[in-house]
Amino acid sequence: MSIYSRILGTGSYLPPETVSNDELAARLARDGIETSDAWIVERTGIRERHFAADGVGSVDLGEQAARRALDDAGLTPQDIDMIIVATSTPDMIFPSNAALIQGRLGCPGGAVFDVQAVCAGFIYALSVADQFIRGGMTRRALVIGTEVFSQILDFSDRGTCVLFGDGAGAVVLGGSDTPGVLSTALHGDGRQAAILRTPGRVCGGKVSGHPFLEMDGQAVFKQAVHVLENVAREVLEKAGRSSSDVDWMVPHQANIRIMLHTAKKLGIGPERVVQTVAWHGNTSAASIPLALDTAVRAGQIRRGQTLLLEAVGGGLTWGAALIDF
């Protein structure tokens, strides 16, 4: 009998502090940098974001999201035998966020590792967990996306610092005799590395290179709308489905224009697109599971519906997943 994987529970967590566009504009103005709520909303759709407090890391956020996903699934940490964390802002060089979260949850013994594919990281991690479950090597996996991008933002660059926020989302994936994760597709193009990157590193006890996020916004937009349409069609074709079968598109919450433009090209109306970017900003690898859990708890996404998840991030990396929820 074939083994499939299904999402058993979802969870998310946002730091308490919200930063509105007006508050961020006032902060930038103190350094002589002009921006406004209208300018940010028009270009991105973002109205506010959450920033973690000093001393709060991505492990803290990820642990809370994981616990909420476990509660939603009606499981305990001891029911989990694999933890995969997608993040570009880990608390340490090593050990991994996954190991640190496992230690906090108190469920040692299972495999733990991080995935670094930036904004596409959750799709990558979900696909990996799906393969482990299908192969019979794992029974239940925690898949977490967690980021504190506020720690790598250059607040003298209004083109990037207004875009990102902090947060975490998680799902519990478990084995099933009925399909849940129908298909996934992962891609990358390292030739595009320079258009979205944080090119710093620790060397000899000091930061070497530029430790803040850099982005060529126009280049990213151009690449994103192209690859996202293609990878969405790829997972639909793999599963023998069409876009008319999709109840909800849950895209990476980077920019409202990218999200709606991609949906339009797929023939998916805006009323079928989960949109949380206005209140969360771009939370990178946390974006999709955070949006998913928000929509589930709001009663938008319900059991039995078909979901299309997709994301593009630095690397360049991109991917998609088609799921019967």
C-alpha atoms as a PDB file:
ATOM      1  CA  MET A   1       0.000   0.000   0.000  1.00  0.00           C
ATOM      2  CA  SER A   2       1.313   3.448  -0.918  1.00  0.00           C
ATOM      3  CA  ILE A   3       2.212   5.907   1.808  1.00  0.00           C
ATOM      4  CA  TYR A   4       1.323   9.562   1.347  1.00  0.00           C
ATOM      5  CA  SER A   5       1.815  12.620   3.519  1.00  0.00           C
ATOM      6  CA  ARG A   6      -0.871  14.956   4.774  1.00  0.00           C
ATOM      7  CA  ILE A   7      -0.905  18.161   6.787  1.00  0.00           C
ATOM      8  CA  LEU A   8      -2.219  17.224  10.221  1.00  0.00           C
ATOM      9  CA  GLY A   9      -1.984  20.643  11.864  1.00  0.00           C
ATOM     10  CA  THR A  10      -0.862  24.232  11.346  1.00  0.00           C
ATOM     11  CA  GLY A  11       0.530  26.898  13.646  1.00  0.00           C
ATOM     12  CA  SER A  12       2.121  30.334  13.538  1.00  0.00           C
ATOM     13  CA  TYR A  13       3.574  33.022  15.733  1.00  0.00           C
ATOM     14  CA  LEU A  14       4.215  36.755  15.324  1.00  0.00           C
ATOM     15  CA  PRO A  15       6.289  38.944  17.649  1.00  0.00           C
ATOM     16  CA  PRO A  16       4.049  41.331  19.607  1.00  0.00           C
ATOM     17  CA  GLU A  17       5.580  44.543  18.228  1.00  0.00           C
ATOM     18  CA  THR A  18       3.937  45.873  15.069  1.00  0.00           C
ATOM     19  CA  VAL A  19       5.586  48.602  13.033  1.00  0.00           C
ATOM     20  CA  SER A  20       3.304  50.596  10.758  1.00  0.00           C
ATOM     21  CA  ASN A  21       4.444  52.288   7.570  1.00  0.00           C
ATOM     22  CA  ASP A  22       4.063  55.661   9.264  1.00  0.00           C
ATOM     23  CA  GLU A  23       6.258  54.571  12.165  1.00  0.00           C
ATOM     24  CA  LEU A  24       8.882  53.215   9.807  1.00  0.00           C
ATOM     25  CA  ALA A  25       8.761  56.395   7.707  1.00  0.00           C
ATOM     26  CA  ALA A  26       9.331  58.474  10.842  1.00  0.00           C
ATOM     27  CA  ARG A  27      12.326  56.328  11.765  1.00  0.00           C
ATOM     28  CA  LEU A  28      13.836  56.760   8.299  1.00  0.00           C
ATOM     29  CA  ALA A  29      13.120  60.499   8.295  1.00  0.00           C
ATOM     30  CA  ARG A  30      15.387  60.930  11.315  1.00  0.00           C
ATOM     31  CA  ASP A  31      18.225  59.845   9.015  1.00  0.00           C
ATOM     32  CA  GLY A  32      17.072  62.085   6.167  1.00  0.00           C
ATOM     33  CA  ILE A  33      15.459  59.262   4.153  1.00  0.00           C
ATOM     34  CA  GLU A  34      12.051  60.031   2.663  1.00  0.00           C
ATOM     35  CA  THR A  35       9.253  57.502   2.327  1.00  0.00           C
ATOM     36  CA  SER A  36       5.555  57.362   3.193  1.00  0.00           C
ATOM     37  CA  ASP A  37       2.684  55.000   3.840  1.00  0.00           C
ATOM     38  CA  ALA A  38       1.243  55.773   0.402  1.00  0.00           C
ATOM     39  CA  TRP A  39       4.579  55.078  -1.336  1.00  0.00           C
ATOM     40  CA  ILE A  40       4.994  51.708   0.403  1.00  0.00           C
ATOM     41  CA  VAL A  41       1.385  50.560  -0.060  1.00  0.00           C
ATOM     42  CA  GLU A  42       1.325  51.492  -3.748  1.00  0.00           C
ATOM     43  CA  ARG A  43       4.470  49.498  -4.553  1.00  0.00           C
ATOM     44  CA  THR A  44       4.103  46.532  -2.217  1.00  0.00           C
ATOM     45  CA  GLY A  45       0.689  46.328  -0.570  1.00  0.00           C
ATOM     46  CA  ILE A  46       2.374  46.303   2.844  1.00  0.00           C
ATOM     47  CA  ARG A  47       0.832  48.388   5.662  1.00  0.00           C
ATOM     48  CA  GLU A  48       2.641  47.009   8.693  1.00  0.00           C
ATOM     49  CA  ARG A  49       5.018  44.280   9.816  1.00  0.00           C
ATOM     50  CA  HIS A  50       6.165  42.663  13.057  1.00  0.00           C
ATOM     51  CA  PHE A  51       9.691  43.049  14.457  1.00  0.00           C
ATOM     52  CA  ALA A  52      11.155  40.789  17.129  1.00  0.00           C
ATOM     53  CA  ALA A  53      12.456  42.459  20.278  1.00  0.00           C
ATOM     54  CA  ASP A  54      16.166  42.605  21.050  1.00  0.00           C
ATOM     55  CA  GLY A  55      17.372  39.213  22.184  1.00  0.00           C
ATOM     56  CA  VAL A  56      14.530  37.328  20.490  1.00  0.00           C
ATOM     57  CA  GLY A  57      15.678  34.970  17.743  1.00  0.00           C
ATOM     58  CA  SER A  58      14.203  32.754  15.063  1.00  0.00           C
ATOM     59  CA  VAL A  59      14.362  29.744  17.398  1.00  0.00           C
ATOM     60  CA  ASP A  60      12.045  31.555  19.839  1.00  0.00           C
ATOM     61  CA  LEU A  61       9.521  32.269  17.101  1.00  0.00           C
ATOM     62  CA  GLY A  62       9.811  28.825  15.541  1.00  0.00           C
ATOM     63  CA  GLU A  63       9.268  27.043  18.849  1.00  0.00           C
ATOM     64  CA  GLN A  64       5.990  28.881  19.431  1.00  0.00           C
ATOM     65  CA  ALA A  65       4.725  28.139  15.907  1.00  0.00           C
ATOM     66  CA  ALA A  66       5.697  24.473  16.318  1.00  0.00           C
ATOM     67  CA  ARG A  67       3.844  24.122  19.617  1.00  0.00           C
ATOM     68  CA  ARG A  68       0.703  25.635  18.079  1.00  0.00           C
ATOM     69  CA  ALA A  69       0.904  23.277  15.096  1.00  0.00           C
ATOM     70  CA  LEU A  70       1.251  20.303  17.441  1.00  0.00           C
ATOM     71  CA  ASP A  71      -1.756  21.470  19.458  1.00  0.00           C
ATOM     72  CA  ASP A  72      -3.770  21.836  16.264  1.00  0.00           C
ATOM     73  CA  ALA A  73      -2.831  18.301  15.219  1.00  0.00           C
ATOM     74  CA  GLY A  74      -3.663  16.916  18.665  1.00  0.00           C
ATOM     75  CA  LEU A  75      -0.115  15.605  19.044  1.00  0.00           C
ATOM     76  CA  THR A  76       2.766  15.968  21.495  1.00  0.00           C
ATOM     77  CA  PRO A  77       6.436  16.594  20.718  1.00  0.00           C
ATOM     78  CA  GLN A  78       7.112  12.900  21.412  1.00  0.00           C
ATOM     79  CA  ASP A  79       4.979  12.018  18.377  1.00  0.00           C
ATOM     80  CA  ILE A  80       7.497  13.769  16.078  1.00  0.00           C
ATOM     81  CA  ASP A  81      10.473  11.952  14.571  1.00  0.00           C
ATOM     82  CA  MET A  82      11.826  14.647  12.236  1.00  0.00           C
ATOM     83  CA  ILE A  83      12.167  18.433  12.402  1.00  0.00           C
ATOM     84  CA  ILE A  84      13.112  20.496   9.356  1.00  0.00           C
ATOM     85  CA  VAL A  85      13.479  24.256   9.716  1.00  0.00           C
ATOM     86  CA  ALA A  86      13.607  26.645   6.773  1.00  0.00           C
ATOM     87  CA  THR A  87      15.432  29.842   7.682  1.00  0.00           C
ATOM     88  CA  SER A  88      17.976  32.360   6.429  1.00  0.00           C
ATOM     89  CA  THR A  89      18.356  33.938   9.871  1.00  0.00           C
ATOM     90  CA  PRO A  90      19.417  31.124  12.209  1.00  0.00           C
ATOM     91  CA  ASP A  91      20.318  31.864  15.792  1.00  0.00           C
ATOM     92  CA  MET A  92      23.734  30.256  15.462  1.00  0.00           C
ATOM     93  CA  ILE A  93      26.200  29.142  12.804  1.00  0.00           C
ATOM     94  CA  PHE A  94      25.613  25.737  14.368  1.00  0.00           C
ATOM     95  CA  PRO A  95      23.877  23.812  15.772  1.00  0.00           C
ATOM     96  CA  SER A  96      20.872  24.186  13.512  1.00  0.00           C
ATOM     97  CA  ASN A  97      17.637  25.875  14.492  1.00  0.00           C
ATOM     98  CA  ALA A  98      16.000  22.463  14.105  1.00  0.00           C
ATOM     99  CA  ALA A  99      18.292  20.968  16.750  1.00  0.00           C
ATOM    100  CA  LEU A 100      17.733  23.878  19.111  1.00  0.00           C
ATOM    101  CA  ILE A 101      13.952  23.661  18.721  1.00  0.00           C
ATOM    102  CA  GLN A 102      14.060  19.897  19.239  1.00  0.00           C
ATOM    103  CA  GLY A 103      15.947  20.484  22.475  1.00  0.00           C
ATOM    104  CA  ARG A 104      13.311  22.927  23.687  1.00  0.00           C
ATOM    105  CA  LEU A 105      10.454  20.606  22.746  1.00  0.00           C
ATOM    106  CA  GLY A 106      12.137  17.707  24.544  1.00  0.00           C
ATOM    107  CA  CYS A 107      11.827  15.085  21.816  1.00  0.00           C
ATOM    108  CA  PRO A 108      15.391  13.889  21.063  1.00  0.00           C
ATOM    109  CA  GLY A 109      16.247  11.051  18.717  1.00  0.00           C
ATOM    110  CA  GLY A 110      14.734  12.056  15.387  1.00  0.00           C
ATOM    111  CA  ALA A 111      16.511  13.698  12.464  1.00  0.00           C
ATOM    112  CA  VAL A 112      16.929  17.480  12.686  1.00  0.00           C
ATOM    113  CA  PHE A 113      18.326  19.873  10.097  1.00  0.00           C
ATOM    114  CA  ASP A 114      17.853  23.294   8.527  1.00  0.00           C
ATOM    115  CA  VAL A 115      17.135  24.148   4.896  1.00  0.00           C
ATOM    116  CA  GLN A 116      18.438  27.409   3.429  1.00  0.00           C
ATOM    117  CA  ALA A 117      16.556  28.409   0.296  1.00  0.00           C
ATOM    118  CA  VAL A 118      15.536  31.867   1.506  1.00  0.00           C
ATOM    119  CA  CYS A 119      11.895  32.703   0.655  1.00  0.00           C
ATOM    120  CA  ALA A 120      11.393  29.341  -1.095  1.00  0.00           C
ATOM    121  CA  GLY A 121      12.736  27.519   1.965  1.00  0.00           C
ATOM    122  CA  PHE A 122       9.412  26.289   3.305  1.00  0.00           C
ATOM    123  CA  ILE A 123       8.479  24.715  -0.036  1.00  0.00           C
ATOM    124  CA  TYR A 124      11.890  23.031  -0.124  1.00  0.00           C
ATOM    125  CA  ALA A 125      11.504  21.763   3.458  1.00  0.00           C
ATOM    126  CA  LEU A 126       7.944  20.544   2.851  1.00  0.00           C
ATOM    127  CA  SER A 127       9.051  18.631  -0.242  1.00  0.00           C
ATOM    128  CA  VAL A 128      11.927  16.988   1.639  1.00  0.00           C
ATOM    129  CA  ALA A 129       9.655  15.947   4.519  1.00  0.00           C
ATOM    130  CA  ASP A 130       7.109  14.586   2.036  1.00  0.00           C
ATOM    131  CA  GLN A 131       9.777  12.384   0.448  1.00  0.00           C
ATOM    132  CA  PHE A 132      10.905  11.027   3.829  1.00  0.00           C
ATOM    133  CA  ILE A 133       7.332  10.134   4.759  1.00  0.00           C
ATOM    134  CA  ARG A 134       6.574   8.575   1.368  1.00  0.00           C
ATOM    135  CA  GLY A 135       9.762   6.530   1.662  1.00  0.00           C
ATOM    136  CA  GLY A 136       8.710   5.157   5.038  1.00  0.00           C
ATOM    137  CA  MET A 137      11.674   6.701   6.868  1.00  0.00           C
ATOM    138  CA  THR A 138       9.579   9.163   8.883  1.00  0.00           C
ATOM    139  CA  ARG A 139       6.120   8.937  10.436  1.00  0.00           C
ATOM    140  CA  ARG A 140       5.493  12.530  11.445  1.00  0.00           C
ATOM    141  CA  ALA A 141       7.559  15.631  10.706  1.00  0.00           C
ATOM    142  CA  LEU A 142       7.492  19.191  11.956  1.00  0.00           C
ATOM    143  CA  VAL A 143       8.191  21.571   9.076  1.00  0.00           C
ATOM    144  CA  ILE A 144       8.893  25.101  10.277  1.00  0.00           C
ATOM    145  CA  GLY A 145       9.646  28.389   8.555  1.00  0.00           C
ATOM    146  CA  THR A 146      11.003  31.059  10.898  1.00  0.00           C
ATOM    147  CA  GLU A 147      12.777  34.360  10.291  1.00  0.00           C
ATOM    148  CA  VAL A 148      14.013  37.501  12.015  1.00  0.00           C
ATOM    149  CA  PHE A 149      14.840  39.505   8.897  1.00  0.00           C
ATOM    150  CA  SER A 150      14.761  42.739  10.900  1.00  0.00           C
ATOM    151  CA  GLN A 151      18.232  41.755  12.100  1.00  0.00           C
ATOM    152  CA  ILE A 152      19.740  41.876   8.590  1.00  0.00           C
ATOM    153  CA  LEU A 153      17.969  44.964   7.215  1.00  0.00           C
ATOM    154  CA  ASP A 154      19.831  48.122   6.231  1.00  0.00           C
ATOM    155  CA  PHE A 155      17.598  50.922   7.493  1.00  0.00           C
ATOM    156  CA  SER A 156      19.318  53.390   5.198  1.00  0.00           C
ATOM    157  CA  ASP A 157      17.932  51.505   2.161  1.00  0.00           C
ATOM    158  CA  ARG A 158      14.239  52.283   1.843  1.00  0.00           C
ATOM    159  CA  GLY A 159      13.966  49.886  -1.118  1.00  0.00           C
ATOM    160  CA  THR A 160      14.476  46.880   1.162  1.00  0.00           C
ATOM    161  CA  CYS A 161      13.890  47.829   4.798  1.00  0.00           C
ATOM    162  CA  VAL A 162      10.178  48.518   4.228  1.00  0.00           C
ATOM    163  CA  LEU A 163       9.554  45.069   2.771  1.00  0.00           C
ATOM    164  CA  PHE A 164      10.436  42.558   5.446  1.00  0.00           C
ATOM    165  CA  GLY A 165       9.126  41.440   8.804  1.00  0.00           C
ATOM    166  CA  ASP A 166       9.643  38.719  11.400  1.00  0.00           C
ATOM    167  CA  GLY A 167       7.484  35.693  12.098  1.00  0.00           C
ATOM    168  CA  ALA A 168       7.167  31.922  12.049  1.00  0.00           C
ATOM    169  CA  GLY A 169       4.814  29.280  10.710  1.00  0.00           C
ATOM    170  CA  ALA A 170       4.753  25.511  11.000  1.00  0.00           C
ATOM    171  CA  VAL A 171       2.914  22.414   9.847  1.00  0.00           C
ATOM    172  CA  VAL A 172       2.852  18.856  11.127  1.00  0.00           C
ATOM    173  CA  LEU A 173       3.144  16.420   8.251  1.00  0.00           C
ATOM    174  CA  GLY A 174       2.134  12.805   8.810  1.00  0.00           C
ATOM    175  CA  GLY A 175       1.753   9.557   6.929  1.00  0.00           C
ATOM    176  CA  SER A 176      -1.611   8.669   5.401  1.00  0.00           C
ATOM    177  CA  ASP A 177      -3.169   6.132   3.033  1.00  0.00           C
ATOM    178  CA  THR A 178      -4.850   8.977   1.116  1.00  0.00           C
ATOM    179  CA  PRO A 179      -2.898  11.641  -0.794  1.00  0.00           C
ATOM    180  CA  GLY A 180      -2.377  15.042   0.820  1.00  0.00           C
ATOM    181  CA  VAL A 181       0.758  16.487  -0.743  1.00  0.00           C
ATOM    182  CA  LEU A 182      -0.096  15.762  -4.376  1.00  0.00           C
ATOM    183  CA  SER A 183       3.030  17.114  -6.068  1.00  0.00           C
ATOM    184  CA  THR A 184       5.994  19.391  -5.509  1.00  0.00           C
ATOM    185  CA  ALA A 185       8.603  21.002  -7.755  1.00  0.00           C
ATOM    186  CA  LEU A 186      11.865  22.686  -6.772  1.00  0.00           C
ATOM    187  CA  HIS A 187      14.229  24.735  -8.921  1.00  0.00           C
ATOM    188  CA  GLY A 188      17.211  27.062  -8.681  1.00  0.00           C
ATOM    189  CA  ASP A 189      19.430  29.273 -10.822  1.00  0.00           C
ATOM    190  CA  GLY A 190      22.665  30.282  -9.116  1.00  0.00           C
ATOM    191  CA  ARG A 191      23.482  32.618 -12.004  1.00  0.00           C
ATOM    192  CA  GLN A 192      20.944  35.027 -10.490  1.00  0.00           C
ATOM    193  CA  ALA A 193      22.564  35.088  -7.039  1.00  0.00           C
ATOM    194  CA  ALA A 194      23.481  38.780  -7.161  1.00  0.00           C
ATOM    195  CA  ILE A 195      19.920  40.102  -7.498  1.00  0.00           C
ATOM    196  CA  LEU A 196      18.919  39.078  -3.948  1.00  0.00           C
ATOM    197  CA  ARG A 197      21.537  38.297  -1.332  1.00  0.00           C
ATOM    198  CA  THR A 198      23.138  39.017   2.027  1.00  0.00           C
ATOM    199  CA  PRO A 199      26.813  38.607   1.157  1.00  0.00           C
ATOM    200  CA  GLY A 200      28.349  38.777   4.640  1.00  0.00           C
ATOM    201  CA  ARG A 201      29.952  36.005   6.686  1.00  0.00           C
ATOM    202  CA  VAL A 202      31.832  35.492   9.919  1.00  0.00           C
ATOM    203  CA  CYS A 203      35.577  35.091   9.426  1.00  0.00           C
ATOM    204  CA  GLY A 204      38.307  35.291  12.060  1.00  0.00           C
ATOM    205  CA  GLY A 205      35.856  36.474  14.667  1.00  0.00           C
ATOM    206  CA  LYS A 206      34.699  39.424  12.559  1.00  0.00           C
ATOM    207  CA  VAL A 207      31.986  40.087   9.986  1.00  0.00           C
ATOM    208  CA  SER A 208      33.472  39.881   6.511  1.00  0.00           C
ATOM    209  CA  GLY A 209      31.603  41.428   3.584  1.00  0.00           C
ATOM    210  CA  HIS A 210      28.253  43.203   3.687  1.00  0.00           C
ATOM    211  CA  PRO A 211      26.004  41.783   6.439  1.00  0.00           C
ATOM    212  CA  PHE A 212      22.749  43.369   5.222  1.00  0.00           C
ATOM    213  CA  LEU A 213      20.215  42.311   2.641  1.00  0.00           C
ATOM    214  CA  GLU A 214      20.734  43.594  -0.919  1.00  0.00           C
ATOM    215  CA  MET A 215      18.117  43.394  -3.660  1.00  0.00           C
ATOM    216  CA  ASP A 216      17.637  44.465  -7.254  1.00  0.00           C
ATOM    217  CA  GLY A 217      13.877  44.885  -7.009  1.00  0.00           C
ATOM    218  CA  GLN A 218      13.143  45.174 -10.725  1.00  0.00           C
ATOM    219  CA  ALA A 219      15.206  42.105 -11.566  1.00  0.00           C
ATOM    220  CA  VAL A 220      13.544  40.071  -8.820  1.00  0.00           C
ATOM    221  CA  PHE A 221      10.075  41.113  -9.993  1.00  0.00           C
ATOM    222  CA  LYS A 222      10.851  40.147 -13.588  1.00  0.00           C
ATOM    223  CA  GLN A 223      12.205  36.739 -12.608  1.00  0.00           C
ATOM    224  CA  ALA A 224       9.472  36.059 -10.057  1.00  0.00           C
ATOM    225  CA  VAL A 225       6.448  36.479 -12.303  1.00  0.00           C
ATOM    226  CA  HIS A 226       8.049  34.223 -14.913  1.00  0.00           C
ATOM    227  CA  VAL A 227       9.191  31.324 -12.739  1.00  0.00           C
ATOM    228  CA  LEU A 228       6.156  31.314 -10.439  1.00  0.00           C
ATOM    229  CA  GLU A 229       3.709  30.801 -13.288  1.00  0.00           C
ATOM    230  CA  ASN A 230       5.816  28.019 -14.740  1.00  0.00           C
ATOM    231  CA  VAL A 231       6.344  26.119 -11.501  1.00  0.00           C
ATOM    232  CA  ALA A 232       2.646  26.386 -10.631  1.00  0.00           C
ATOM    233  CA  ARG A 233       1.719  24.852 -13.970  1.00  0.00           C
ATOM    234  CA  GLU A 234       4.338  22.168 -13.382  1.00  0.00           C
ATOM    235  CA  VAL A 235       2.844  20.911 -10.107  1.00  0.00           C
ATOM    236  CA  LEU A 236      -0.678  21.069 -11.538  1.00  0.00           C
ATOM    237  CA  GLU A 237       0.391  18.964 -14.509  1.00  0.00           C
ATOM    238  CA  LYS A 238       2.208  16.463 -12.274  1.00  0.00           C
ATOM    239  CA  ALA A 239      -0.964  15.970 -10.233  1.00  0.00           C
ATOM    240  CA  GLY A 240      -3.274  15.832 -13.244  1.00  0.00           C
ATOM    241  CA  ARG A 241      -5.122  18.921 -12.053  1.00  0.00           C
ATOM    242  CA  SER A 242      -5.884  22.340 -13.510  1.00  0.00           C
ATOM    243  CA  SER A 243      -6.001  25.797 -11.972  1.00  0.00           C
ATOM    244  CA  SER A 244      -9.802  25.540 -11.825  1.00  0.00           C
ATOM    245  CA  ASP A 245      -9.329  22.778  -9.228  1.00  0.00           C
ATOM    246  CA  VAL A 246      -7.487  25.148  -6.887  1.00  0.00           C
ATOM    247  CA  ASP A 247      -9.635  26.454  -4.040  1.00  0.00           C
ATOM    248  CA  TRP A 248      -6.906  28.658  -2.572  1.00  0.00           C
ATOM    249  CA  MET A 249      -3.571  29.899  -3.828  1.00  0.00           C
ATOM    250  CA  VAL A 250      -1.246  30.475  -0.867  1.00  0.00           C
ATOM    251  CA  PRO A 251       1.694  32.382  -2.339  1.00  0.00           C
ATOM    252  CA  HIS A 252       4.831  33.683  -0.719  1.00  0.00           C
ATOM    253  CA  GLN A 253       3.764  37.054   0.674  1.00  0.00           C
ATOM    254  CA  ALA A 254       6.435  39.243  -0.914  1.00  0.00           C
ATOM    255  CA  ASN A 255       4.595  41.826  -2.956  1.00  0.00           C
ATOM    256  CA  ILE A 256       0.893  42.131  -3.744  1.00  0.00           C
ATOM    257  CA  ARG A 257       1.615  42.916  -7.388  1.00  0.00           C
ATOM    258  CA  ILE A 258       3.650  39.739  -7.889  1.00  0.00           C
ATOM    259  CA  MET A 259       1.009  37.630  -6.129  1.00  0.00           C
ATOM    260  CA  LEU A 260      -1.981  38.929  -8.074  1.00  0.00           C
ATOM    261  CA  HIS A 261      -0.130  39.085 -11.398  1.00  0.00           C
ATOM    262  CA  THR A 262       0.839  35.423 -11.076  1.00  0.00           C
ATOM    263  CA  ALA A 263      -2.676  34.433 -10.049  1.00  0.00           C
ATOM    264  CA  LYS A 264      -4.149  36.273 -13.034  1.00  0.00           C
ATOM    265  CA  LYS A 265      -1.826  34.457 -15.453  1.00  0.00           C
ATOM    266  CA  LEU A 266      -3.017  31.167 -13.949  1.00  0.00           C
ATOM    267  CA  GLY A 267      -6.672  32.148 -14.208  1.00  0.00           C
ATOM    268  CA  ILE A 268      -7.096  32.342 -10.438  1.00  0.00           C
ATOM    269  CA  GLY A 269      -9.157  35.297  -9.234  1.00  0.00           C
ATOM    270  CA  PRO A 270      -7.951  37.529  -6.392  1.00  0.00           C
ATOM    271  CA  GLU A 271     -10.773  36.233  -4.188  1.00  0.00           C
ATOM    272  CA  ARG A 272      -9.032  32.822  -4.215  1.00  0.00           C
ATOM    273  CA  VAL A 273      -5.618  34.209  -3.184  1.00  0.00           C
ATOM    274  CA  VAL A 274      -4.669  34.215   0.503  1.00  0.00           C
ATOM    275  CA  GLN A 275      -3.346  37.713   1.186  1.00  0.00           C
ATOM    276  CA  THR A 276      -1.583  38.538   4.451  1.00  0.00           C
ATOM    277  CA  VAL A 277       1.248  40.683   3.090  1.00  0.00           C
ATOM    278  CA  ALA A 278      -0.472  43.893   4.193  1.00  0.00           C
ATOM    279  CA  TRP A 279      -0.139  42.946   7.878  1.00  0.00           C
ATOM    280  CA  HIS A 280       2.932  40.714   7.946  1.00  0.00           C
ATOM    281  CA  GLY A 281       5.212  42.064   5.219  1.00  0.00           C
ATOM    282  CA  ASN A 282       7.644  39.619   3.646  1.00  0.00           C
ATOM    283  CA  THR A 283       8.629  37.058   6.288  1.00  0.00           C
ATOM    284  CA  SER A 284      10.701  34.997   3.842  1.00  0.00           C
ATOM    285  CA  ALA A 285      10.639  31.260   4.685  1.00  0.00           C
ATOM    286  CA  ALA A 286       7.937  31.879   7.319  1.00  0.00           C
ATOM    287  CA  SER A 287       5.640  33.550   4.808  1.00  0.00           C
ATOM    288  CA  ILE A 288       3.695  30.595   3.398  1.00  0.00           C
ATOM    289  CA  PRO A 289       3.086  28.617   6.625  1.00  0.00           C
ATOM    290  CA  LEU A 290       2.194  31.869   8.408  1.00  0.00           C
ATOM    291  CA  ALA A 291      -0.327  32.776   5.700  1.00  0.00           C
ATOM    292  CA  LEU A 292      -1.648  29.211   5.655  1.00  0.00           C
ATOM    293  CA  ASP A 293      -2.265  29.105   9.403  1.00  0.00           C
ATOM    294  CA  THR A 294      -3.812  32.582   9.373  1.00  0.00           C
ATOM    295  CA  ALA A 295      -6.283  31.512   6.681  1.00  0.00           C
ATOM    296  CA  VAL A 296      -7.078  28.214   8.426  1.00  0.00           C
ATOM    297  CA  ARG A 297      -7.813  29.908  11.741  1.00  0.00           C
ATOM    298  CA  ALA A 298      -9.905  32.581   9.995  1.00  0.00           C
ATOM    299  CA  GLY A 299     -12.086  29.861   8.471  1.00  0.00           C
ATOM    300  CA  GLN A 300     -11.063  30.631   4.899  1.00  0.00           C
ATOM    301  CA  ILE A 301      -9.171  27.405   4.257  1.00  0.00           C
ATOM    302  CA  ARG A 302     -11.104  24.273   5.233  1.00  0.00           C
ATOM    303  CA  ARG A 303     -10.444  20.565   5.159  1.00  0.00           C
ATOM    304  CA  GLY A 304     -11.041  18.973   1.768  1.00  0.00           C
ATOM    305  CA  GLN A 305      -9.918  22.009  -0.208  1.00  0.00           C
ATOM    306  CA  THR A 306      -7.055  22.062  -2.712  1.00  0.00           C
ATOM    307  CA  LEU A 307      -4.195  24.486  -2.106  1.00  0.00           C
ATOM    308  CA  LEU A 308      -1.488  25.778  -4.427  1.00  0.00           C
ATOM    309  CA  LEU A 309       1.617  26.956  -2.557  1.00  0.00           C
ATOM    310  CA  GLU A 310       4.433  28.758  -4.396  1.00  0.00           C
ATOM    311  CA  ALA A 311       7.466  30.893  -3.620  1.00  0.00           C
ATOM    312  CA  VAL A 312      10.579  32.446  -5.116  1.00  0.00           C
ATOM    313  CA  GLY A 313      13.639  33.574  -3.165  1.00  0.00           C
ATOM    314  CA  GLY A 314      17.313  34.387  -3.272  1.00  0.00           C
ATOM    315  CA  GLY A 315      19.579  31.893  -4.935  1.00  0.00           C
ATOM    316  CA  LEU A 316      17.621  32.218  -7.176  1.00  0.00           C
ATOM    317  CA  THR A 317      15.365  29.472  -5.761  1.00  0.00           C
ATOM    318  CA  TRP A 318      11.729  28.730  -6.454  1.00  0.00           C
ATOM    319  CA  GLY A 319       9.204  25.997  -5.929  1.00  0.00           C
ATOM    320  CA  ALA A 320       5.562  25.014  -5.601  1.00  0.00           C
ATOM    321  CA  ALA A 321       3.401  22.400  -3.944  1.00  0.00           C
ATOM    322  CA  LEU A 322      -0.140  21.227  -4.676  1.00  0.00           C
ATOM    323  CA  ILE A 323      -1.966  19.952  -1.600  1.00  0.00           C
ATOM    324  CA  ASP A 324      -5.312  18.405  -0.770  1.00  0.00           C
ATOM    325  CA  PHE A 325      -5.866  19.864   2.687  1.00  0.00           C
END
